[in-house]
Amino acid sequence: MPALECVTCKKTEDETALHKCPICFRYFCDEHAHHMSGRAFCSQPCAEFFFFEPEE
């Protein structure tokens, strides 16, 4: 199984703490987290999608 790594900087879980994005499930580190309303995401688009999901 490949090592988990930050989607942005490629640091592995051995180098830093990683978190899973609740939208796209990619992993990101604290340094590259995008925070919105107390939650952390891997990117600004994922953060915006979570809070401003388009109407169907």
Protein backbone atom coordinates (compact mmCIF):
# COMPACT_ATOMS: atom_id res chain seq x y z
CA MET A 1 0.00 0.00 0.00
CA PRO A 2 1.47 3.40 -0.96
CA ALA A 3 2.24 5.86 1.82
CA LEU A 4 -0.27 8.62 2.44
CA GLU A 5 0.96 12.08 1.41
CA CYS A 6 -0.18 15.69 1.31
CA VAL A 7 -1.81 16.52 -2.02
CA THR A 8 0.12 19.82 -2.16
CA CYS A 9 3.61 19.32 -0.72
CA LYS A 10 3.86 15.50 -0.88
CA LYS A 11 5.00 15.18 2.76
CA THR A 12 4.16 11.73 4.08
CA GLU A 13 2.40 10.78 7.28
CA ASP A 14 5.84 9.96 8.71
CA GLU A 15 6.88 13.62 8.25
CA THR A 16 3.73 15.45 9.37
CA ALA A 17 0.15 14.96 10.54
CA LEU A 18 -2.25 14.40 7.65
CA HIS A 19 -5.99 15.00 7.48
CA LYS A 20 -8.56 13.67 5.02
CA CYS A 21 -10.69 16.17 3.12
CA PRO A 22 -14.42 15.56 3.81
CA ILE A 23 -15.30 16.44 0.20
CA CYS A 24 -12.77 14.74 -2.10
CA PHE A 25 -11.03 12.46 0.46
CA ARG A 26 -7.52 13.60 -0.51
CA TYR A 27 -4.99 14.04 2.28
CA PHE A 28 -3.46 17.37 3.30
CA CYS A 29 -1.13 18.64 6.03
CA ASP A 30 -1.76 21.48 8.51
CA GLU A 31 0.46 23.81 6.50
CA HIS A 32 -1.73 23.46 3.38
CA ALA A 33 -5.15 23.28 5.02
CA HIS A 34 -7.85 25.68 3.90
CA HIS A 35 -10.02 26.62 6.90
CA MET A 36 -13.60 27.77 6.69
CA SER A 37 -16.07 28.03 9.59
CA GLY A 38 -13.86 25.95 11.87
CA ARG A 39 -13.40 23.09 9.41
CA ALA A 40 -10.32 22.12 7.39
CA PHE A 41 -10.26 21.17 3.71
CA CYS A 42 -7.58 20.32 1.15
CA SER A 43 -8.43 23.30 -1.09
CA GLN A 44 -10.52 26.45 -1.32
CA PRO A 45 -12.86 24.87 -3.92
CA CYS A 46 -13.62 21.95 -1.56
CA ALA A 47 -14.30 24.38 1.30
CA GLU A 48 -16.66 26.44 -0.86
CA PHE A 49 -18.41 23.32 -2.19
CA PHE A 50 -19.06 22.11 1.37
CA PHE A 51 -20.75 25.34 2.43
CA PHE A 52 -22.17 26.56 -0.87
CA GLU A 53 -23.13 23.33 -2.63
CA PRO A 54 -24.95 24.14 -5.87
CA GLU A 55 -28.71 23.59 -5.99
CA GLU A 56 -29.89 20.61 -8.03
